[in-house]
PDB file of N, CA and C in Angstrom:
ATOM      1  N   UNK A   1      18.266 -21.954 111.032  1.00  0.00           N
ATOM      2  CA  UNK A   1      17.031 -22.288 110.394  1.00  0.00           C
ATOM      3  C   UNK A   1      16.466 -23.521 110.813  1.00  0.00           C
ATOM      4  N   UNK A   2      15.255 -23.516 111.112  1.00  0.00           N
ATOM      5  CA  UNK A   2      14.663 -24.893 111.484  1.00  0.00           C
ATOM      6  C   UNK A   2      13.801 -25.688 110.350  1.00  0.00           C
ATOM      7  N   UNK A   3      14.093 -26.843 109.998  1.00  0.00           N
ATOM      8  CA  UNK A   3      13.439 -27.456 109.022  1.00  0.00           C
ATOM      9  C   UNK A   3      12.105 -27.851 109.435  1.00  0.00           C
ATOM     10  N   UNK A   4      11.075 -27.657 108.542  1.00  0.00           N
ATOM     11  CA  UNK A   4       9.790 -28.271 108.709  1.00  0.00           C
ATOM     12  C   UNK A   4       9.684 -29.718 108.421  1.00  0.00           C
ATOM     13  N   UNK A   5       8.700 -30.510 109.108  1.00  0.00           N
ATOM     14  CA  UNK A   5       8.529 -31.854 109.072  1.00  0.00           C
ATOM     15  C   UNK A   5       6.824 -31.943 108.838  1.00  0.00           C
ATOM     16  N   UNK A   6       6.663 -32.817 108.071  1.00  0.00           N
ATOM     17  CA  UNK A   6       5.214 -33.519 107.939  1.00  0.00           C
ATOM     18  C   UNK A   6       5.172 -34.730 108.774  1.00  0.00           C
ATOM     19  N   UNK A   7       3.849 -35.021 109.272  1.00  0.00           N
ATOM     20  CA  UNK A   7       3.602 -36.241 109.870  1.00  0.00           C
ATOM     21  C   UNK A   7       3.216 -37.099 108.735  1.00  0.00           C
ATOM     22  N   UNK A   8       3.241 -38.484 108.891  1.00  0.00           N
ATOM     23  CA  UNK A   8       2.647 -39.331 107.922  1.00  0.00           C
ATOM     24  C   UNK A   8       1.256 -39.078 107.630  1.00  0.00           C
ATOM     25  N   UNK A   9       0.434 -38.660 108.625  1.00  0.00           N
ATOM     26  CA  UNK A   9      -0.923 -38.306 108.485  1.00  0.00           C
ATOM     27  C   UNK A   9      -1.164 -37.177 107.606  1.00  0.00           C
ATOM     28  N   UNK A  10      -0.337 -36.159 107.679  1.00  0.00           N
ATOM     29  CA  UNK A  10      -0.411 -34.935 106.822  1.00  0.00           C
ATOM     30  C   UNK A  10      -0.022 -35.284 105.366  1.00  0.00           C
ATOM     31  N   UNK A  11       1.080 -35.990 105.371  1.00  0.00           N
ATOM     32  CA  UNK A  11       1.444 -36.461 103.955  1.00  0.00           C
ATOM     33  C   UNK A  11       0.559 -37.400 103.246  1.00  0.00           C
ATOM     34  N   UNK A  12      -0.106 -38.227 104.006  1.00  0.00           N
ATOM     35  CA  UNK A  12      -1.083 -39.226 103.367  1.00  0.00           C
ATOM     36  C   UNK A  12      -2.265 -38.372 103.003  1.00  0.00           C
ATOM     37  N   UNK A  13      -2.624 -37.368 103.496  1.00  0.00           N
ATOM     38  CA  UNK A  13      -3.686 -36.417 103.339  1.00  0.00           C
ATOM     39  C   UNK A  13      -3.357 -35.596 102.047  1.00  0.00           C
ATOM     40  N   UNK A  14      -2.246 -35.284 101.910  1.00  0.00           N
ATOM     41  CA  UNK A  14      -1.813 -34.309 100.781  1.00  0.00           C
ATOM     42  C   UNK A  14      -1.653 -35.399  99.520  1.00  0.00           C
ATOM     43  N   UNK A  15      -1.153 -36.535  99.681  1.00  0.00           N
ATOM     44  CA  UNK A  15      -1.108 -37.547  98.590  1.00  0.00           C
ATOM     45  C   UNK A  15      -2.353 -38.326  98.160  1.00  0.00           C
ATOM     46  N   UNK A  16      -3.365 -38.110  99.167  1.00  0.00           N
ATOM     47  CA  UNK A  16      -4.600 -39.056  99.185  1.00  0.00           C
ATOM     48  C   UNK A  16      -4.448 -40.399  98.955  1.00  0.00           C
ATOM     49  N   UNK A  17      -3.556 -41.083  99.910  1.00  0.00           N
ATOM     50  CA  UNK A  17      -3.411 -42.405  99.959  1.00  0.00           C
ATOM     51  C   UNK A  17      -3.524 -42.672 101.388  1.00  0.00           C
ATOM     52  N   UNK A  18      -3.703 -44.064 101.786  1.00  0.00           N
ATOM     53  CA  UNK A  18      -4.014 -44.474 102.915  1.00  0.00           C
ATOM     54  C   UNK A  18      -2.766 -44.355 103.889  1.00  0.00           C
ATOM     55  N   UNK A  19      -2.946 -44.174 105.096  1.00  0.00           N
ATOM     56  CA  UNK A  19      -1.841 -43.908 106.009  1.00  0.00           C
ATOM     57  C   UNK A  19      -0.913 -45.117 106.049  1.00  0.00           C
ATOM     58  N   UNK A  20      -1.561 -46.383 106.142  1.00  0.00           N
ATOM     59  CA  UNK A  20      -0.988 -47.569 106.126  1.00  0.00           C
ATOM     60  C   UNK A  20      -0.010 -47.633 104.772  1.00  0.00           C
ATOM     61  N   UNK A  21      -0.466 -47.188 103.743  1.00  0.00           N
ATOM     62  CA  UNK A  21       0.366 -47.109 102.397  1.00  0.00           C
ATOM     63  C   UNK A  21       1.679 -46.506 102.708  1.00  0.00           C
ATOM     64  N   UNK A  22       1.490 -45.074 103.290  1.00  0.00           N
ATOM     65  CA  UNK A  22       2.452 -44.212 103.426  1.00  0.00           C
ATOM     66  C   UNK A  22       3.519 -44.799 104.323  1.00  0.00           C
ATOM     67  N   UNK A  23       2.967 -45.394 105.383  1.00  0.00           N
ATOM     68  CA  UNK A  23       4.020 -46.249 106.511  1.00  0.00           C
ATOM     69  C   UNK A  23       4.772 -47.124 105.698  1.00  0.00           C
ATOM     70  N   UNK A  24       4.205 -48.022 104.881  1.00  0.00           N
ATOM     71  CA  UNK A  24       4.818 -48.995 104.109  1.00  0.00           C
ATOM     72  C   UNK A  24       5.990 -48.214 103.314  1.00  0.00           C
ATOM     73  N   UNK A  25       5.609 -47.219 102.679  1.00  0.00           N
ATOM     74  CA  UNK A  25       6.573 -46.562 101.715  1.00  0.00           C
ATOM     75  C   UNK A  25       7.769 -46.059 102.726  1.00  0.00           C
ATOM     76  N   UNK A  26       7.325 -45.421 103.805  1.00  0.00           N
ATOM     77  CA  UNK A  26       8.551 -44.960 104.746  1.00  0.00           C
ATOM     78  C   UNK A  26       9.416 -46.034 105.072  1.00  0.00           C
ATOM     79  N   UNK A  27       8.827 -47.167 105.609  1.00  0.00           N
ATOM     80  CA  UNK A  27       9.647 -48.247 106.016  1.00  0.00           C
ATOM     81  C   UNK A  27      10.415 -48.841 104.998  1.00  0.00           C
ATOM     82  N   UNK A  28      10.124 -48.872 103.653  1.00  0.00           N
ATOM     83  CA  UNK A  28      10.779 -49.477 102.587  1.00  0.00           C
ATOM     84  C   UNK A  28      11.787 -48.397 102.061  1.00  0.00           C
ATOM     85  N   UNK A  29      11.741 -47.216 102.325  1.00  0.00           N
ATOM     86  CA  UNK A  29      12.559 -46.101 101.699  1.00  0.00           C
ATOM     87  C   UNK A  29      12.044 -45.594 100.434  1.00  0.00           C
ATOM     88  N   UNK A  30      10.795 -45.855 100.054  1.00  0.00           N
ATOM     89  CA  UNK A  30      10.154 -45.453  98.991  1.00  0.00           C
ATOM     90  C   UNK A  30      10.110 -43.906  99.077  1.00  0.00           C
ATOM     91  N   UNK A  31       9.679 -43.394 100.240  1.00  0.00           N
ATOM     92  CA  UNK A  31       9.470 -41.921 100.247  1.00  0.00           C
ATOM     93  C   UNK A  31      10.499 -41.218 101.392  1.00  0.00           C
ATOM     94  N   UNK A  32      11.099 -40.330 101.156  1.00  0.00           N
ATOM     95  CA  UNK A  32      12.128 -39.696 102.230  1.00  0.00           C
ATOM     96  C   UNK A  32      11.509 -39.539 103.553  1.00  0.00           C
ATOM     97  N   UNK A  33      11.671 -40.323 104.447  1.00  0.00           N
ATOM     98  CA  UNK A  33      11.346 -40.155 105.892  1.00  0.00           C
ATOM     99  C   UNK A  33      12.234 -40.480 106.912  1.00  0.00           C
ATOM    100  N   UNK A  34      11.952 -39.973 108.185  1.00  0.00           N
ATOM    101  CA  UNK A  34      12.968 -40.375 109.036  1.00  0.00           C
ATOM    102  C   UNK A  34      11.952 -40.854 110.284  1.00  0.00           C
ATOM    103  N   UNK A  35      12.499 -41.652 111.087  1.00  0.00           N
ATOM    104  CA  UNK A  35      11.919 -42.159 112.226  1.00  0.00           C
ATOM    105  C   UNK A  35      12.497 -41.633 113.557  1.00  0.00           C
ATOM    106  N   UNK A  36      11.566 -40.877 114.210  1.00  0.00           N
ATOM    107  CA  UNK A  36      11.934 -40.391 115.429  1.00  0.00           C
ATOM    108  C   UNK A  36      11.373 -40.949 116.711  1.00  0.00           C
ATOM    109  N   UNK A  37      12.007 -41.917 117.213  1.00  0.00           N
ATOM    110  CA  UNK A  37      11.328 -42.759 118.357  1.00  0.00           C
ATOM    111  C   UNK A  37      10.372 -43.788 117.482  1.00  0.00           C
ATOM    112  N   UNK A  38       9.136 -43.550 117.874  1.00  0.00           N
ATOM    113  CA  UNK A  38       8.032 -44.393 117.399  1.00  0.00           C
ATOM    114  C   UNK A  38       7.169 -43.590 116.211  1.00  0.00           C
ATOM    115  N   UNK A  39       7.694 -42.557 115.867  1.00  0.00           N
ATOM    116  CA  UNK A  39       7.031 -41.636 114.973  1.00  0.00           C
ATOM    117  C   UNK A  39       7.934 -41.294 113.732  1.00  0.00           C
ATOM    118  N   UNK A  40       7.148 -41.456 112.573  1.00  0.00           N
ATOM    119  CA  UNK A  40       7.969 -41.013 111.251  1.00  0.00           C
ATOM    120  C   UNK A  40       7.680 -39.557 111.069  1.00  0.00           C
ATOM    121  N   UNK A  41       8.712 -38.869 110.619  1.00  0.00           N
ATOM    122  CA  UNK A  41       8.447 -37.548 110.005  1.00  0.00           C
ATOM    123  C   UNK A  41       9.255 -37.392 108.598  1.00  0.00           C
ATOM    124  N   UNK A  42       8.423 -36.568 107.887  1.00  0.00           N
ATOM    125  CA  UNK A  42       9.169 -36.234 106.459  1.00  0.00           C
ATOM    126  C   UNK A  42       9.544 -35.063 106.338  1.00  0.00           C
ATOM    127  N   UNK A  43      10.712 -34.714 106.044  1.00  0.00           N
ATOM    128  CA  UNK A  43      11.210 -33.197 105.755  1.00  0.00           C
ATOM    129  C   UNK A  43      10.309 -32.621 104.642  1.00  0.00           C
ATOM    130  N   UNK A  44       9.757 -31.468 104.856  1.00  0.00           N
ATOM    131  CA  UNK A  44       8.767 -30.945 103.933  1.00  0.00           C
ATOM    132  C   UNK A  44       9.715 -30.714 102.642  1.00  0.00           C
ATOM    133  N   UNK A  45      10.587 -30.073 102.482  1.00  0.00           N
ATOM    134  CA  UNK A  45      11.619 -29.782 101.213  1.00  0.00           C
ATOM    135  C   UNK A  45      11.720 -31.048 100.647  1.00  0.00           C
ATOM    136  N   UNK A  46      12.228 -32.136 101.183  1.00  0.00           N
ATOM    137  CA  UNK A  46      12.634 -33.407 100.431  1.00  0.00           C
ATOM    138  C   UNK A  46      11.048 -33.966 100.115  1.00  0.00           C
ATOM    139  N   UNK A  47      10.024 -33.936 100.803  1.00  0.00           N
ATOM    140  CA  UNK A  47       8.717 -34.198 100.308  1.00  0.00           C
ATOM    141  C   UNK A  47       8.232 -33.850  98.976  1.00  0.00           C
ATOM    142  N   UNK A  48       8.285 -32.405  98.938  1.00  0.00           N
ATOM    143  CA  UNK A  48       7.860 -31.645  97.828  1.00  0.00           C
ATOM    144  C   UNK A  48       8.837 -32.072  96.569  1.00  0.00           C
ATOM    145  N   UNK A  49      10.140 -32.113  96.945  1.00  0.00           N
ATOM    146  CA  UNK A  49      11.023 -32.682  95.808  1.00  0.00           C
ATOM    147  C   UNK A  49      10.623 -33.947  95.312  1.00  0.00           C
ATOM    148  N   UNK A  50      10.464 -34.922  96.219  1.00  0.00           N
ATOM    149  CA  UNK A  50      10.003 -36.440  95.741  1.00  0.00           C
ATOM    150  C   UNK A  50       8.598 -36.273  94.929  1.00  0.00           C
ATOM    151  N   UNK A  51       7.644 -35.480  95.497  1.00  0.00           N
ATOM    152  CA  UNK A  51       6.507 -35.335  94.842  1.00  0.00           C
ATOM    153  C   UNK A  51       6.718 -34.920  93.196  1.00  0.00           C
ATOM    154  N   UNK A  52       7.497 -33.842  93.087  1.00  0.00           N
ATOM    155  CA  UNK A  52       7.955 -33.353  91.703  1.00  0.00           C
ATOM    156  C   UNK A  52       8.512 -34.483  90.962  1.00  0.00           C
ATOM    157  N   UNK A  53       9.305 -35.211  91.553  1.00  0.00           N
ATOM    158  CA  UNK A  53      10.094 -36.292  90.729  1.00  0.00           C
ATOM    159  C   UNK A  53       9.011 -37.344  90.251  1.00  0.00           C
ATOM    160  N   UNK A  54       8.088 -37.592  91.213  1.00  0.00           N
ATOM    161  CA  UNK A  54       7.130 -38.598  90.744  1.00  0.00           C
ATOM    162  C   UNK A  54       6.207 -38.083  89.687  1.00  0.00           C
ATOM    163  N   UNK A  55       5.886 -36.855  89.699  1.00  0.00           N
ATOM    164  CA  UNK A  55       5.033 -36.301  88.667  1.00  0.00           C
ATOM    165  C   UNK A  55       5.796 -36.258  87.361  1.00  0.00           C
ATOM    166  N   UNK A  56       7.069 -35.895  87.398  1.00  0.00           N
ATOM    167  CA  UNK A  56       7.818 -35.809  86.251  1.00  0.00           C
ATOM    168  C   UNK A  56       7.828 -37.296  85.520  1.00  0.00           C
ATOM    169  N   UNK A  57       8.207 -38.303  86.362  1.00  0.00           N
ATOM    170  CA  UNK A  57       8.268 -39.653  86.050  1.00  0.00           C
ATOM    171  C   UNK A  57       6.916 -40.188  85.390  1.00  0.00           C
ATOM    172  N   UNK A  58       6.069 -40.110  85.974  1.00  0.00           N
ATOM    173  CA  UNK A  58       4.828 -40.362  85.545  1.00  0.00           C
ATOM    174  C   UNK A  58       4.453 -39.809  84.140  1.00  0.00           C
ATOM    175  N   UNK A  59       4.817 -38.564  84.070  1.00  0.00           N
ATOM    176  CA  UNK A  59       4.592 -37.830  82.654  1.00  0.00           C
ATOM    177  C   UNK A  59       5.430 -38.388  81.633  1.00  0.00           C
ATOM    178  N   UNK A  60       6.782 -38.719  82.004  1.00  0.00           N
ATOM    179  CA  UNK A  60       7.670 -39.341  81.062  1.00  0.00           C
ATOM    180  C   UNK A  60       7.111 -40.902  80.648  1.00  0.00           C
ATOM    181  N   UNK A  61       6.592 -41.508  81.477  1.00  0.00           N
ATOM    182  CA  UNK A  61       6.049 -43.026  81.295  1.00  0.00           C
ATOM    183  C   UNK A  61       4.740 -42.815  80.426  1.00  0.00           C
ATOM    184  N   UNK A  62       3.992 -41.765  80.728  1.00  0.00           N
ATOM    185  CA  UNK A  62       2.715 -41.687  79.939  1.00  0.00           C
ATOM    186  C   UNK A  62       3.141 -41.222  78.470  1.00  0.00           C
ATOM    187  N   UNK A  63       4.170 -40.420  78.422  1.00  0.00           N
ATOM    188  CA  UNK A  63       4.681 -40.124  76.956  1.00  0.00           C
ATOM    189  C   UNK A  63       5.239 -41.290  76.265  1.00  0.00           C
ATOM    190  N   UNK A  64       5.908 -42.218  76.895  1.00  0.00           N
ATOM    191  CA  UNK A  64       6.340 -43.434  76.290  1.00  0.00           C
ATOM    192  C   UNK A  64       5.327 -44.339  75.879  1.00  0.00           C
ATOM    193  N   UNK A  65       4.326 -44.493  76.650  1.00  0.00           N
ATOM    194  CA  UNK A  65       3.106 -45.216  76.256  1.00  0.00           C
ATOM    195  C   UNK A  65       2.422 -44.720  74.952  1.00  0.00           C
ATOM    196  N   UNK A  66       2.400 -43.368  75.043  1.00  0.00           N
ATOM    197  CA  UNK A  66       1.589 -42.651  73.981  1.00  0.00           C
ATOM    198  C   UNK A  66       2.482 -43.060  72.591  1.00  0.00           C
ATOM    199  N   UNK A  67       3.677 -42.873  72.784  1.00  0.00           N
ATOM    200  CA  UNK A  67       4.530 -43.031  71.464  1.00  0.00           C
ATOM    201  C   UNK A  67       4.549 -44.547  71.102  1.00  0.00           C
ATOM    202  N   UNK A  68       4.476 -45.503  72.016  1.00  0.00           N
ATOM    203  CA  UNK A  68       4.381 -47.040  71.625  1.00  0.00           C
ATOM    204  C   UNK A  68       2.963 -47.206  70.932  1.00  0.00           C
ATOM    205  N   UNK A  69       2.043 -46.638  71.277  1.00  0.00           N
ATOM    206  CA  UNK A  69       0.590 -46.705  70.594  1.00  0.00           C
ATOM    207  C   UNK A  69       0.675 -46.236  69.348  1.00  0.00           C
ATOM    208  N   UNK A  70       1.446 -45.084  69.043  1.00  0.00           N
ATOM    209  CA  UNK A  70       1.435 -44.536  67.745  1.00  0.00           C
ATOM    210  C   UNK A  70       2.377 -45.354  66.801  1.00  0.00           C
ATOM    211  N   UNK A  71       3.155 -46.260  67.306  1.00  0.00           N
ATOM    212  CA  UNK A  71       4.001 -47.062  66.584  1.00  0.00           C
ATOM    213  C   UNK A  71       3.554 -48.364  66.310  1.00  0.00           C
ATOM    214  N   UNK A  72       2.436 -48.742  67.022  1.00  0.00           N
ATOM    215  CA  UNK A  72       1.820 -50.028  66.933  1.00  0.00           C
ATOM    216  C   UNK A  72       1.443 -50.404  65.448  1.00  0.00           C
ATOM    217  N   UNK A  73       1.897 -51.670  64.927  1.00  0.00           N
ATOM    218  CA  UNK A  73       1.499 -52.159  63.714  1.00  0.00           C
ATOM    219  C   UNK A  73       0.035 -52.067  63.636  1.00  0.00           C
ATOM    220  N   UNK A  74      -0.433 -52.027  62.345  1.00  0.00           N
ATOM    221  CA  UNK A  74      -1.870 -52.283  61.984  1.00  0.00           C
ATOM    222  C   UNK A  74      -2.356 -53.756  62.276  1.00  0.00           C
ATOM    223  N   UNK A  75      -3.561 -53.978  62.777  1.00  0.00           N
ATOM    224  CA  UNK A  75      -4.061 -55.495  63.126  1.00  0.00           C
ATOM    225  C   UNK A  75      -4.271 -55.980  61.636  1.00  0.00           C
ATOM    226  N   UNK A  76      -4.416 -57.401  61.531  1.00  0.00           N
ATOM    227  CA  UNK A  76      -4.683 -57.802  60.112  1.00  0.00           C
ATOM    228  C   UNK A  76      -5.802 -57.488  59.523  1.00  0.00           C
ATOM    229  N   UNK A  77      -6.980 -57.204  60.300  1.00  0.00           N
ATOM    230  CA  UNK A  77      -8.050 -56.639  59.732  1.00  0.00           C
ATOM    231  C   UNK A  77      -7.900 -55.267  59.050  1.00  0.00           C
ATOM    232  N   UNK A  78      -7.328 -54.595  59.706  1.00  0.00           N
ATOM    233  CA  UNK A  78      -6.892 -52.984  59.313  1.00  0.00           C
ATOM    234  C   UNK A  78      -6.080 -53.305  58.020  1.00  0.00           C
ATOM    235  N   UNK A  79      -5.068 -53.992  58.105  1.00  0.00           N
ATOM    236  CA  UNK A  79      -4.366 -54.193  56.743  1.00  0.00           C
ATOM    237  C   UNK A  79      -4.980 -54.632  55.840  1.00  0.00           C
ATOM    238  N   UNK A  80      -5.900 -55.587  55.856  1.00  0.00           N
ATOM    239  CA  UNK A  80      -6.713 -56.294  54.806  1.00  0.00           C
ATOM    240  C   UNK A  80      -7.950 -55.464  54.240  1.00  0.00           C
ATOM    241  N   UNK A  81      -8.291 -54.365  54.868  1.00  0.00           N
ATOM    242  CA  UNK A  81      -9.411 -53.519  54.579  1.00  0.00           C
ATOM    243  C   UNK A  81      -9.154 -52.932  53.200  1.00  0.00           C
ATOM    244  N   UNK A  82     -10.023 -53.026  52.221  1.00  0.00           N
ATOM    245  CA  UNK A  82     -10.102 -52.502  50.932  1.00  0.00           C
ATOM    246  C   UNK A  82     -11.391 -51.807  50.753  1.00  0.00           C
ATOM    247  N   UNK A  83     -11.210 -50.602  50.209  1.00  0.00           N
ATOM    248  CA  UNK A  83     -12.557 -49.872  50.030  1.00  0.00           C
ATOM    249  C   UNK A  83     -13.649 -50.485  49.107  1.00  0.00           C
ATOM    250  N   UNK A  84     -14.683 -50.647  49.629  1.00  0.00           N
ATOM    251  CA  UNK A  84     -15.786 -51.479  48.848  1.00  0.00           C
ATOM    252  C   UNK A  84     -16.075 -50.885  47.479  1.00  0.00           C
ATOM    253  N   UNK A  85     -16.125 -51.741  46.518  1.00  0.00           N
ATOM    254  CA  UNK A  85     -16.417 -51.165  45.191  1.00  0.00           C
ATOM    255  C   UNK A  85     -17.986 -50.641  45.200  1.00  0.00           C
ATOM    256  N   UNK A  86     -18.310 -49.663  44.410  1.00  0.00           N
ATOM    257  CA  UNK A  86     -19.778 -49.372  44.409  1.00  0.00           C
ATOM    258  C   UNK A  86     -20.493 -50.336  43.644  1.00  0.00           C
ATOM    259  N   UNK A  87     -21.719 -50.697  44.239  1.00  0.00           N
ATOM    260  CA  UNK A  87     -22.539 -51.481  43.475  1.00  0.00           C
ATOM    261  C   UNK A  87     -23.336 -50.861  42.172  1.00  0.00           C
ATOM    262  N   UNK A  88     -23.401 -51.535  41.101  1.00  0.00           N
ATOM    263  CA  UNK A  88     -24.097 -51.024  39.942  1.00  0.00           C
ATOM    264  C   UNK A  88     -25.535 -50.810  40.367  1.00  0.00           C
ATOM    265  N   UNK A  89     -26.072 -49.625  39.728  1.00  0.00           N
ATOM    266  CA  UNK A  89     -27.566 -49.361  40.024  1.00  0.00           C
ATOM    267  C   UNK A  89     -28.393 -50.499  39.543  1.00  0.00           C
ATOM    268  N   UNK A  90     -29.658 -50.757  40.071  1.00  0.00           N
ATOM    269  CA  UNK A  90     -30.522 -51.762  39.911  1.00  0.00           C
ATOM    270  C   UNK A  90     -31.154 -51.704  38.520  1.00  0.00           C
ATOM    271  N   UNK A  91     -31.053 -50.601  37.912  1.00  0.00           N
ATOM    272  CA  UNK A  91     -31.717 -50.466  36.332  1.00  0.00           C
ATOM    273  C   UNK A  91     -30.741 -50.912  35.481  1.00  0.00           C
ATOM    274  N   UNK A  92     -29.707 -51.366  35.852  1.00  0.00           N
ATOM    275  CA  UNK A  92     -28.707 -51.770  34.809  1.00  0.00           C
ATOM    276  C   UNK A  92     -27.926 -50.844  34.224  1.00  0.00           C
ATOM    277  N   UNK A  93     -27.749 -49.447  34.885  1.00  0.00           N
ATOM    278  CA  UNK A  93     -26.869 -48.682  34.703  1.00  0.00           C
ATOM    279  C   UNK A  93     -27.339 -47.565  33.368  1.00  0.00           C
ATOM    280  N   UNK A  94     -28.556 -47.849  33.070  1.00  0.00           N
ATOM    281  CA  UNK A  94     -29.084 -46.938  32.023  1.00  0.00           C
ATOM    282  C   UNK A  94     -29.489 -45.511  32.689  1.00  0.00           C
ATOM    283  N   UNK A  95     -28.521 -44.542  32.270  1.00  0.00           N
ATOM    284  CA  UNK A  95     -28.715 -43.179  32.867  1.00  0.00           C
ATOM    285  C   UNK A  95     -29.525 -42.263  31.768  1.00  0.00           C
ATOM    286  N   UNK A  96     -30.007 -42.866  30.638  1.00  0.00           N
ATOM    287  CA  UNK A  96     -30.742 -42.117  29.658  1.00  0.00           C
ATOM    288  C   UNK A  96     -32.117 -41.640  30.124  1.00  0.00           C
ATOM    289  N   UNK A  97     -32.704 -42.540  30.900  1.00  0.00           N
ATOM    290  CA  UNK A  97     -34.078 -42.098  31.390  1.00  0.00           C
ATOM    291  C   UNK A  97     -34.857 -43.318  31.650  1.00  0.00           C
ATOM    292  N   UNK A  98     -36.003 -43.275  31.324  1.00  0.00           N
ATOM    293  CA  UNK A  98     -37.038 -44.336  31.490  1.00  0.00           C
ATOM    294  C   UNK A  98     -36.905 -45.240  30.105  1.00  0.00           C
ATOM    295  N   UNK A  99     -37.211 -46.450  30.335  1.00  0.00           N
ATOM    296  CA  UNK A  99     -37.138 -47.322  29.233  1.00  0.00           C
ATOM    297  C   UNK A  99     -38.361 -47.121  28.094  1.00  0.00           C
ATOM    298  N   UNK A 100     -38.111 -47.135  26.856  1.00  0.00           N
ATOM    299  CA  UNK A 100     -39.117 -46.989  25.837  1.00  0.00           C
ATOM    300  C   UNK A 100     -39.906 -48.192  25.851  1.00  0.00           C
ATOM    301  N   UNK A 101     -41.389 -47.772  25.639  1.00  0.00           N
ATOM    302  CA  UNK A 101     -42.271 -49.079  25.311  1.00  0.00           C
ATOM    303  C   UNK A 101     -42.375 -49.476  23.989  1.00  0.00           C
TER     304      UNK A 101
END
């Protein structure tokens, strides 16, 4: 069975990142890549596995951020908020009707 490989150009197009970025990732070992002579190749199966791991990691980090926001204590202004009392009516609170002459 022969293994399929992606070029850096193909992988960059799939990931929608600059070719230069992907080359740096390959050189630093951030993405699974092999250098054959002067050219980088990425095994398709390992690439797909790496992408899925990145998606899972991003989802976990997003969930952690959301959880932190939920536990965030109230600000001082929110803690001091007290419902406003209703103002008395301008007529002095006389509900009976109009004033007698």
